[in-house]
N, C-alpha and C. Protein backbone atom coordinates (compact mmCIF):
# COMPACT_ATOMS: atom_id res chain seq x y z
N MET A 1 -12.49 -9.92 11.03
CA MET A 1 -11.61 -8.87 10.61
C MET A 1 -12.46 -7.75 10.03
N GLU A 2 -12.14 -6.53 10.42
CA GLU A 2 -12.78 -5.36 9.82
C GLU A 2 -11.75 -4.24 9.73
N ILE A 3 -12.02 -3.29 8.86
CA ILE A 3 -11.15 -2.13 8.76
C ILE A 3 -11.96 -0.89 9.09
N ARG A 4 -11.30 0.04 9.78
CA ARG A 4 -11.96 1.30 10.13
C ARG A 4 -10.94 2.42 10.09
N GLU A 5 -11.42 3.57 9.67
CA GLU A 5 -10.55 4.73 9.54
C GLU A 5 -10.16 5.27 10.92
N ILE A 6 -8.91 5.68 11.05
CA ILE A 6 -8.47 6.32 12.29
C ILE A 6 -8.02 7.74 11.99
N THR A 7 -7.87 8.52 13.05
CA THR A 7 -7.43 9.91 12.92
C THR A 7 -6.19 10.11 13.77
N GLU A 8 -5.69 11.34 13.74
CA GLU A 8 -4.51 11.68 14.55
C GLU A 8 -4.79 11.53 16.04
N ARG A 9 -6.06 11.57 16.42
CA ARG A 9 -6.42 11.49 17.84
C ARG A 9 -6.85 10.09 18.28
N SER A 10 -6.84 9.13 17.39
CA SER A 10 -7.28 7.78 17.72
C SER A 10 -6.34 7.13 18.72
N ALA A 11 -6.93 6.45 19.68
CA ALA A 11 -6.15 5.79 20.73
C ALA A 11 -5.25 4.69 20.16
N GLU A 12 -5.61 4.12 19.02
CA GLU A 12 -4.84 3.03 18.42
C GLU A 12 -3.59 3.50 17.70
N LEU A 13 -3.46 4.79 17.46
CA LEU A 13 -2.35 5.28 16.65
C LEU A 13 -0.98 4.84 17.19
N PRO A 14 -0.69 4.93 18.49
CA PRO A 14 0.62 4.47 18.98
C PRO A 14 0.87 2.97 18.72
N VAL A 15 -0.17 2.16 18.83
CA VAL A 15 -0.04 0.72 18.56
C VAL A 15 0.28 0.51 17.09
N LEU A 16 -0.42 1.24 16.22
CA LEU A 16 -0.18 1.11 14.79
C LEU A 16 1.19 1.63 14.40
N GLU A 17 1.65 2.70 15.06
CA GLU A 17 3.01 3.20 14.80
C GLU A 17 4.05 2.14 15.17
N ALA A 18 3.81 1.41 16.27
CA ALA A 18 4.74 0.34 16.67
C ALA A 18 4.76 -0.77 15.62
N ILE A 19 3.61 -1.11 15.07
CA ILE A 19 3.54 -2.12 14.00
C ILE A 19 4.30 -1.59 12.78
N ASN A 20 4.12 -0.32 12.47
CA ASN A 20 4.82 0.32 11.35
C ASN A 20 6.33 0.20 11.52
N GLU A 21 6.83 0.50 12.71
CA GLU A 21 8.27 0.44 12.97
C GLU A 21 8.81 -0.99 12.88
N GLU A 22 8.00 -1.94 13.30
CA GLU A 22 8.43 -3.34 13.27
C GLU A 22 8.39 -3.91 11.85
N ALA A 23 7.43 -3.47 11.04
CA ALA A 23 7.19 -4.13 9.76
C ALA A 23 7.82 -3.45 8.55
N ILE A 24 7.94 -2.14 8.57
CA ILE A 24 8.41 -1.40 7.39
C ILE A 24 9.88 -1.04 7.58
N PRO A 25 10.73 -1.36 6.61
CA PRO A 25 12.15 -0.99 6.73
C PRO A 25 12.30 0.52 6.93
N GLU A 26 13.24 0.90 7.77
CA GLU A 26 13.43 2.30 8.13
C GLU A 26 13.60 3.20 6.90
N ALA A 27 14.35 2.75 5.91
CA ALA A 27 14.60 3.57 4.73
C ALA A 27 13.33 3.83 3.93
N GLU A 28 12.33 2.97 4.07
CA GLU A 28 11.08 3.10 3.32
C GLU A 28 9.94 3.65 4.17
N ARG A 29 10.13 3.75 5.45
CA ARG A 29 9.05 4.05 6.39
C ARG A 29 8.74 5.54 6.49
N CYS A 30 7.48 5.82 6.64
CA CYS A 30 6.98 7.16 6.96
C CYS A 30 6.04 6.96 8.14
N SER A 31 6.09 7.85 9.11
CA SER A 31 5.20 7.68 10.26
C SER A 31 3.75 7.83 9.82
N LEU A 32 2.87 7.13 10.49
CA LEU A 32 1.45 7.22 10.17
C LEU A 32 0.92 8.61 10.49
N SER A 33 1.46 9.23 11.52
CA SER A 33 1.07 10.61 11.84
C SER A 33 1.39 11.54 10.68
N ASP A 34 2.59 11.39 10.10
CA ASP A 34 2.96 12.21 8.94
C ASP A 34 2.07 11.90 7.75
N MET A 35 1.71 10.63 7.58
CA MET A 35 0.81 10.26 6.49
C MET A 35 -0.53 10.97 6.65
N LEU A 36 -1.06 10.95 7.86
CA LEU A 36 -2.34 11.61 8.12
C LEU A 36 -2.26 13.11 7.85
N VAL A 37 -1.19 13.75 8.33
CA VAL A 37 -1.02 15.19 8.15
C VAL A 37 -0.93 15.54 6.66
N SER A 38 -0.33 14.66 5.87
CA SER A 38 -0.16 14.94 4.44
C SER A 38 -1.37 14.54 3.59
N GLY A 39 -2.46 14.14 4.24
CA GLY A 39 -3.69 13.88 3.51
C GLY A 39 -4.04 12.43 3.25
N ALA A 40 -3.22 11.50 3.70
CA ALA A 40 -3.54 10.08 3.52
C ALA A 40 -4.59 9.66 4.54
N LYS A 41 -5.27 8.59 4.24
CA LYS A 41 -6.20 7.97 5.18
C LYS A 41 -5.48 6.76 5.76
N VAL A 42 -5.68 6.52 7.05
CA VAL A 42 -5.10 5.33 7.68
C VAL A 42 -6.26 4.48 8.17
N TRP A 43 -6.24 3.23 7.76
CA TRP A 43 -7.26 2.27 8.13
C TRP A 43 -6.65 1.28 9.12
N CYS A 44 -7.28 1.14 10.27
CA CYS A 44 -6.88 0.15 11.27
C CYS A 44 -7.51 -1.18 10.89
N ILE A 45 -6.72 -2.22 10.89
CA ILE A 45 -7.22 -3.57 10.65
C ILE A 45 -7.48 -4.18 12.02
N ASP A 46 -8.74 -4.40 12.34
CA ASP A 46 -9.11 -5.00 13.62
C ASP A 46 -9.30 -6.50 13.46
N TYR A 47 -8.77 -7.23 14.43
CA TYR A 47 -8.91 -8.67 14.47
C TYR A 47 -9.26 -9.02 15.90
N HIS A 48 -10.43 -9.58 16.10
CA HIS A 48 -10.94 -9.87 17.45
C HIS A 48 -10.90 -8.60 18.32
N HIS A 49 -11.34 -7.49 17.75
CA HIS A 49 -11.46 -6.20 18.44
C HIS A 49 -10.13 -5.63 18.93
N GLU A 50 -9.04 -6.02 18.29
CA GLU A 50 -7.71 -5.47 18.61
C GLU A 50 -7.05 -5.02 17.32
N PRO A 51 -6.23 -3.95 17.38
CA PRO A 51 -5.50 -3.54 16.18
C PRO A 51 -4.50 -4.63 15.77
N ALA A 52 -4.67 -5.11 14.55
CA ALA A 52 -3.79 -6.17 14.04
C ALA A 52 -2.86 -5.65 12.96
N GLY A 53 -3.14 -4.44 12.47
CA GLY A 53 -2.33 -3.88 11.40
C GLY A 53 -2.96 -2.62 10.87
N PHE A 54 -2.46 -2.16 9.73
CA PHE A 54 -2.97 -0.92 9.15
C PHE A 54 -2.74 -0.90 7.65
N MET A 55 -3.49 -0.02 7.00
CA MET A 55 -3.28 0.32 5.61
C MET A 55 -3.29 1.84 5.53
N ALA A 56 -2.25 2.43 4.96
CA ALA A 56 -2.20 3.86 4.71
C ALA A 56 -2.48 4.05 3.23
N VAL A 57 -3.51 4.83 2.93
CA VAL A 57 -4.04 4.90 1.58
C VAL A 57 -4.15 6.35 1.12
N ARG A 58 -3.83 6.58 -0.13
CA ARG A 58 -4.02 7.90 -0.74
C ARG A 58 -5.05 7.74 -1.87
N TYR A 59 -5.98 8.69 -1.94
CA TYR A 59 -7.02 8.69 -2.95
C TYR A 59 -6.74 9.79 -3.96
N TYR A 60 -6.82 9.46 -5.23
CA TYR A 60 -6.56 10.42 -6.30
C TYR A 60 -7.46 10.07 -7.48
N ARG A 61 -8.39 10.95 -7.80
CA ARG A 61 -9.33 10.70 -8.90
C ARG A 61 -9.95 9.32 -8.75
N ASN A 62 -9.70 8.43 -9.73
CA ASN A 62 -10.26 7.08 -9.70
C ASN A 62 -9.23 6.06 -9.21
N LEU A 63 -8.20 6.54 -8.51
CA LEU A 63 -7.10 5.69 -8.08
C LEU A 63 -7.05 5.65 -6.55
N VAL A 64 -6.83 4.47 -6.03
CA VAL A 64 -6.62 4.26 -4.59
C VAL A 64 -5.23 3.67 -4.46
N TYR A 65 -4.33 4.43 -3.86
CA TYR A 65 -2.92 4.02 -3.76
C TYR A 65 -2.65 3.48 -2.36
N LEU A 66 -2.34 2.20 -2.29
CA LEU A 66 -2.00 1.57 -1.01
C LEU A 66 -0.53 1.84 -0.74
N ALA A 67 -0.28 2.90 0.04
CA ALA A 67 1.09 3.37 0.27
C ALA A 67 1.84 2.49 1.26
N TYR A 68 1.18 2.14 2.36
CA TYR A 68 1.80 1.31 3.40
C TYR A 68 0.76 0.31 3.89
N PHE A 69 1.24 -0.88 4.19
CA PHE A 69 0.35 -1.95 4.64
C PHE A 69 1.16 -2.88 5.52
N ALA A 70 0.67 -3.17 6.70
CA ALA A 70 1.39 -4.09 7.59
C ALA A 70 0.43 -4.78 8.53
N VAL A 71 0.79 -6.00 8.87
CA VAL A 71 0.08 -6.79 9.88
C VAL A 71 1.09 -7.13 10.97
N ARG A 72 0.62 -7.11 12.20
CA ARG A 72 1.47 -7.45 13.34
C ARG A 72 2.17 -8.79 13.09
N LYS A 73 3.43 -8.86 13.46
CA LYS A 73 4.25 -10.04 13.18
C LYS A 73 3.61 -11.33 13.70
N ASP A 74 3.07 -11.31 14.90
CA ASP A 74 2.50 -12.53 15.49
C ASP A 74 1.17 -12.94 14.85
N LEU A 75 0.61 -12.08 13.98
CA LEU A 75 -0.68 -12.41 13.35
C LEU A 75 -0.56 -12.64 11.84
N ARG A 76 0.66 -12.64 11.33
CA ARG A 76 0.84 -12.87 9.90
C ARG A 76 0.53 -14.32 9.53
N SER A 77 0.21 -14.53 8.28
CA SER A 77 -0.10 -15.86 7.72
C SER A 77 -1.35 -16.46 8.34
N LYS A 78 -2.29 -15.62 8.73
CA LYS A 78 -3.57 -16.08 9.28
C LYS A 78 -4.74 -15.62 8.41
N GLY A 79 -4.43 -15.02 7.25
CA GLY A 79 -5.48 -14.56 6.34
C GLY A 79 -5.97 -13.15 6.62
N ILE A 80 -5.42 -12.50 7.64
CA ILE A 80 -5.89 -11.16 8.02
C ILE A 80 -5.53 -10.14 6.94
N GLY A 81 -4.29 -10.15 6.48
CA GLY A 81 -3.85 -9.20 5.46
C GLY A 81 -4.61 -9.37 4.15
N GLY A 82 -4.78 -10.61 3.73
CA GLY A 82 -5.53 -10.87 2.50
C GLY A 82 -6.96 -10.38 2.60
N SER A 83 -7.59 -10.64 3.74
CA SER A 83 -8.95 -10.15 3.96
C SER A 83 -8.99 -8.63 3.91
N ALA A 84 -7.99 -7.99 4.49
CA ALA A 84 -7.96 -6.52 4.53
C ALA A 84 -7.83 -5.92 3.14
N VAL A 85 -6.90 -6.43 2.32
CA VAL A 85 -6.75 -5.84 0.98
C VAL A 85 -7.95 -6.15 0.09
N ARG A 86 -8.54 -7.32 0.25
CA ARG A 86 -9.77 -7.63 -0.50
C ARG A 86 -10.90 -6.70 -0.08
N GLU A 87 -10.97 -6.37 1.21
CA GLU A 87 -11.99 -5.44 1.70
C GLU A 87 -11.74 -4.03 1.14
N LEU A 88 -10.49 -3.61 1.06
CA LEU A 88 -10.17 -2.32 0.47
C LEU A 88 -10.64 -2.27 -0.99
N ILE A 89 -10.41 -3.34 -1.73
CA ILE A 89 -10.87 -3.41 -3.12
C ILE A 89 -12.40 -3.37 -3.16
N ARG A 90 -13.04 -4.14 -2.29
CA ARG A 90 -14.51 -4.21 -2.26
C ARG A 90 -15.12 -2.86 -1.95
N GLN A 91 -14.49 -2.09 -1.06
CA GLN A 91 -15.03 -0.79 -0.67
C GLN A 91 -14.80 0.30 -1.72
N ASN A 92 -14.08 -0.03 -2.78
CA ASN A 92 -13.78 0.95 -3.83
C ASN A 92 -14.15 0.40 -5.20
N PRO A 93 -15.44 0.07 -5.39
CA PRO A 93 -15.84 -0.51 -6.68
C PRO A 93 -15.60 0.47 -7.83
N GLY A 94 -15.10 -0.06 -8.92
CA GLY A 94 -14.86 0.76 -10.09
C GLY A 94 -13.60 1.59 -10.03
N ARG A 95 -12.91 1.58 -8.90
CA ARG A 95 -11.66 2.33 -8.77
C ARG A 95 -10.50 1.34 -8.85
N GLN A 96 -9.38 1.79 -9.38
CA GLN A 96 -8.21 0.92 -9.40
C GLN A 96 -7.42 1.12 -8.11
N VAL A 97 -7.24 0.04 -7.38
CA VAL A 97 -6.40 0.04 -6.19
C VAL A 97 -5.00 -0.35 -6.68
N VAL A 98 -4.02 0.51 -6.40
CA VAL A 98 -2.67 0.32 -6.91
C VAL A 98 -1.70 0.13 -5.74
N VAL A 99 -0.77 -0.78 -5.92
CA VAL A 99 0.23 -1.06 -4.90
C VAL A 99 1.59 -1.22 -5.59
N GLU A 100 2.64 -0.91 -4.86
CA GLU A 100 4.00 -1.16 -5.35
C GLU A 100 4.64 -2.16 -4.39
N TYR A 101 5.35 -3.12 -4.96
CA TYR A 101 6.10 -4.08 -4.14
C TYR A 101 7.47 -4.22 -4.79
N GLU A 102 8.45 -4.55 -3.96
CA GLU A 102 9.81 -4.68 -4.49
C GLU A 102 9.84 -5.64 -5.65
N ALA A 103 10.45 -5.19 -6.75
CA ALA A 103 10.54 -6.03 -7.94
C ALA A 103 11.50 -7.18 -7.67
N PRO A 104 11.06 -8.40 -7.98
CA PRO A 104 11.95 -9.55 -7.77
C PRO A 104 13.18 -9.48 -8.67
N VAL A 105 14.29 -9.91 -8.14
CA VAL A 105 15.53 -9.96 -8.91
C VAL A 105 16.06 -11.39 -8.80
N PRO A 106 16.28 -12.11 -9.88
CA PRO A 106 15.93 -11.72 -11.24
C PRO A 106 14.41 -11.66 -11.43
N ALA A 107 13.97 -11.05 -12.51
CA ALA A 107 12.55 -10.79 -12.74
C ALA A 107 11.71 -12.06 -12.78
N GLU A 108 12.32 -13.20 -13.14
CA GLU A 108 11.55 -14.45 -13.22
C GLU A 108 11.15 -14.97 -11.84
N VAL A 109 11.85 -14.53 -10.82
CA VAL A 109 11.57 -15.01 -9.47
C VAL A 109 10.42 -14.20 -8.89
N CYS A 110 9.38 -14.88 -8.48
CA CYS A 110 8.21 -14.20 -7.93
C CYS A 110 8.31 -14.23 -6.41
N ASN A 111 8.52 -13.09 -5.80
CA ASN A 111 8.71 -13.08 -4.35
C ASN A 111 7.39 -13.22 -3.60
N ALA A 112 7.48 -13.44 -2.31
CA ALA A 112 6.31 -13.72 -1.47
C ALA A 112 5.33 -12.56 -1.45
N VAL A 113 5.83 -11.33 -1.42
CA VAL A 113 4.93 -10.18 -1.37
C VAL A 113 4.13 -10.08 -2.67
N LYS A 114 4.81 -10.26 -3.78
CA LYS A 114 4.11 -10.22 -5.06
C LYS A 114 3.07 -11.33 -5.13
N ARG A 115 3.42 -12.53 -4.72
CA ARG A 115 2.47 -13.66 -4.72
C ARG A 115 1.27 -13.33 -3.84
N PHE A 116 1.51 -12.68 -2.70
CA PHE A 116 0.42 -12.29 -1.80
C PHE A 116 -0.58 -11.41 -2.54
N TYR A 117 -0.08 -10.36 -3.20
CA TYR A 117 -0.98 -9.44 -3.90
C TYR A 117 -1.70 -10.12 -5.06
N LEU A 118 -1.01 -10.95 -5.81
CA LEU A 118 -1.64 -11.64 -6.94
C LEU A 118 -2.72 -12.61 -6.45
N ARG A 119 -2.52 -13.23 -5.30
CA ARG A 119 -3.52 -14.13 -4.71
C ARG A 119 -4.75 -13.39 -4.22
N ASN A 120 -4.58 -12.12 -3.91
CA ASN A 120 -5.65 -11.37 -3.25
C ASN A 120 -6.27 -10.27 -4.12
N GLY A 121 -6.31 -10.51 -5.42
CA GLY A 121 -7.09 -9.64 -6.30
C GLY A 121 -6.32 -8.65 -7.14
N PHE A 122 -4.99 -8.72 -7.13
CA PHE A 122 -4.20 -7.78 -7.92
C PHE A 122 -3.67 -8.45 -9.18
N PHE A 123 -3.36 -7.61 -10.17
CA PHE A 123 -2.84 -8.06 -11.44
C PHE A 123 -1.49 -7.39 -11.70
N GLU A 124 -0.63 -8.06 -12.47
CA GLU A 124 0.61 -7.43 -12.92
C GLU A 124 0.25 -6.36 -13.94
N THR A 125 1.00 -5.27 -13.96
CA THR A 125 0.71 -4.17 -14.88
C THR A 125 1.78 -3.99 -15.95
N GLY A 126 2.96 -4.51 -15.69
CA GLY A 126 4.08 -4.26 -16.60
C GLY A 126 4.75 -2.92 -16.33
N TRP A 127 4.34 -2.24 -15.26
CA TRP A 127 4.90 -0.94 -14.90
C TRP A 127 5.75 -1.09 -13.65
N TYR A 128 6.74 -0.21 -13.54
CA TYR A 128 7.68 -0.22 -12.43
C TYR A 128 7.91 1.21 -11.96
N THR A 129 8.46 1.34 -10.76
CA THR A 129 8.91 2.63 -10.25
C THR A 129 10.29 2.41 -9.63
N TYR A 130 10.99 3.50 -9.44
CA TYR A 130 12.32 3.40 -8.83
C TYR A 130 12.52 4.62 -7.94
N TYR A 131 12.75 4.37 -6.66
CA TYR A 131 13.09 5.42 -5.71
C TYR A 131 13.70 4.76 -4.48
N ASP A 132 14.35 5.55 -3.66
CA ASP A 132 15.04 5.03 -2.47
C ASP A 132 16.00 3.89 -2.83
N ASN A 133 16.65 4.01 -4.00
CA ASN A 133 17.60 2.99 -4.47
C ASN A 133 16.98 1.61 -4.63
N THR A 134 15.68 1.56 -4.87
CA THR A 134 14.99 0.28 -4.99
C THR A 134 14.02 0.33 -6.17
N GLU A 135 13.97 -0.77 -6.91
CA GLU A 135 12.99 -0.89 -7.98
C GLU A 135 11.75 -1.58 -7.43
N PHE A 136 10.59 -1.04 -7.78
CA PHE A 136 9.32 -1.59 -7.36
C PHE A 136 8.49 -1.96 -8.59
N GLU A 137 7.71 -3.00 -8.45
CA GLU A 137 6.77 -3.38 -9.49
C GLU A 137 5.40 -2.85 -9.07
N VAL A 138 4.60 -2.43 -10.04
CA VAL A 138 3.28 -1.87 -9.76
C VAL A 138 2.23 -2.94 -10.02
N GLY A 139 1.36 -3.16 -9.04
CA GLY A 139 0.23 -4.07 -9.17
C GLY A 139 -1.06 -3.27 -9.12
N CYS A 140 -2.12 -3.81 -9.71
CA CYS A 140 -3.40 -3.09 -9.76
C CYS A 140 -4.55 -4.07 -9.57
N SER A 141 -5.61 -3.61 -8.94
CA SER A 141 -6.78 -4.46 -8.67
C SER A 141 -7.64 -4.67 -9.91
N GLN A 142 -7.34 -3.98 -10.99
CA GLN A 142 -8.09 -4.15 -12.23
C GLN A 142 -7.12 -4.62 -13.32
N PRO A 143 -7.59 -5.49 -14.19
CA PRO A 143 -6.68 -6.00 -15.23
C PRO A 143 -6.27 -4.92 -16.23
N ASP A 144 -7.09 -3.88 -16.41
CA ASP A 144 -6.76 -2.78 -17.32
C ASP A 144 -6.25 -1.61 -16.51
N PHE A 145 -4.94 -1.59 -16.29
CA PHE A 145 -4.28 -0.57 -15.48
C PHE A 145 -4.30 0.78 -16.21
N ASN A 146 -4.74 1.82 -15.53
CA ASN A 146 -4.76 3.16 -16.10
C ASN A 146 -3.43 3.84 -15.77
N ALA A 147 -2.46 3.63 -16.62
CA ALA A 147 -1.11 4.16 -16.38
C ALA A 147 -1.09 5.69 -16.39
N GLU A 148 -1.89 6.31 -17.25
CA GLU A 148 -1.93 7.77 -17.30
C GLU A 148 -2.34 8.35 -15.95
N GLU A 149 -3.34 7.74 -15.34
CA GLU A 149 -3.79 8.23 -14.03
C GLU A 149 -2.73 8.00 -12.96
N PHE A 150 -2.04 6.87 -13.03
CA PHE A 150 -0.99 6.60 -12.05
C PHE A 150 0.17 7.59 -12.22
N ILE A 151 0.52 7.91 -13.46
CA ILE A 151 1.57 8.90 -13.70
C ILE A 151 1.15 10.27 -13.17
N ALA A 152 -0.11 10.63 -13.40
CA ALA A 152 -0.62 11.91 -12.87
C ALA A 152 -0.58 11.90 -11.34
N PHE A 153 -0.94 10.77 -10.74
CA PHE A 153 -0.88 10.65 -9.28
C PHE A 153 0.56 10.82 -8.80
N ALA A 154 1.50 10.15 -9.47
CA ALA A 154 2.91 10.23 -9.08
C ALA A 154 3.40 11.68 -9.14
N ASN A 155 3.01 12.41 -10.17
CA ASN A 155 3.39 13.82 -10.27
C ASN A 155 2.75 14.65 -9.16
N ASP A 156 1.50 14.34 -8.84
CA ASP A 156 0.79 15.09 -7.81
C ASP A 156 1.36 14.80 -6.42
N ILE A 157 1.64 13.54 -6.12
CA ILE A 157 2.14 13.18 -4.79
C ILE A 157 3.53 13.76 -4.56
N ALA A 158 4.29 13.94 -5.62
CA ALA A 158 5.63 14.53 -5.48
C ALA A 158 5.55 15.95 -4.94
N LYS A 159 4.42 16.63 -5.15
CA LYS A 159 4.23 17.98 -4.61
C LYS A 159 3.97 17.96 -3.11
N VAL A 160 3.41 16.86 -2.62
CA VAL A 160 3.03 16.72 -1.21
C VAL A 160 4.15 16.07 -0.40
N VAL A 161 4.75 15.04 -0.97
CA VAL A 161 5.78 14.26 -0.29
C VAL A 161 7.04 14.36 -1.15
N SER A 162 7.89 15.30 -0.84
CA SER A 162 9.02 15.63 -1.71
C SER A 162 10.00 14.48 -1.94
N ASP A 163 10.12 13.56 -0.99
CA ASP A 163 11.08 12.47 -1.17
C ASP A 163 10.44 11.23 -1.78
N HIS A 164 9.19 11.34 -2.21
CA HIS A 164 8.52 10.20 -2.84
C HIS A 164 8.18 10.59 -4.28
N ILE A 165 9.08 10.26 -5.17
CA ILE A 165 8.88 10.58 -6.58
C ILE A 165 8.97 9.26 -7.35
N PRO A 166 7.83 8.54 -7.48
CA PRO A 166 7.87 7.21 -8.07
C PRO A 166 8.41 7.12 -9.49
N ASN A 167 8.17 8.10 -10.37
CA ASN A 167 8.68 8.06 -11.73
C ASN A 167 8.37 6.72 -12.42
N PRO A 168 7.11 6.44 -12.72
CA PRO A 168 6.72 5.17 -13.34
C PRO A 168 7.37 4.97 -14.71
N PHE A 169 7.70 3.70 -15.02
CA PHE A 169 8.28 3.37 -16.31
C PHE A 169 7.94 1.93 -16.68
N ARG A 170 8.06 1.63 -17.95
CA ARG A 170 7.91 0.25 -18.46
C ARG A 170 9.28 -0.22 -18.90
N LYS A 171 9.53 -1.50 -18.75
CA LYS A 171 10.77 -2.07 -19.25
C LYS A 171 10.58 -2.50 -20.69
N GLU A 172 11.58 -2.28 -21.48
CA GLU A 172 11.51 -2.67 -22.91
C GLU A 172 11.98 -4.07 -23.09
């Protein structure tokens, strides 16, 4: 497994868009082409020299925001996704890699996506976001989450992507 950056002209983009459509719910999905145009980086996850998935990432100061991440349905549960997110963390030493996943309801229930991130180098932060009628929990690759930087990122990204306004908060 390896990850490599792609561009708007990459031959793999249509394959990755198909994975995006299959894996990300329509209400939450943004095309990878739109992500690229708005300044995000898209990393192709190669498995045996074939596109197996992607990570769409935004970089802000010392923060790496994993906006979208998917592995082809037929290749899930083979360790590819875990290897990819660990590689993203490894390639960004000293930076906090931040991800949002749907908050489990009730909060005591730990869903599979959250368990995946916790198994692969992420920590709970105690922070949440709410948009698209969904509450998300924020995970971070470092145990000391820099909430101020994440809030600044959320404010900055709202200028670029008008319908993505995370509005981070803590529960009391």
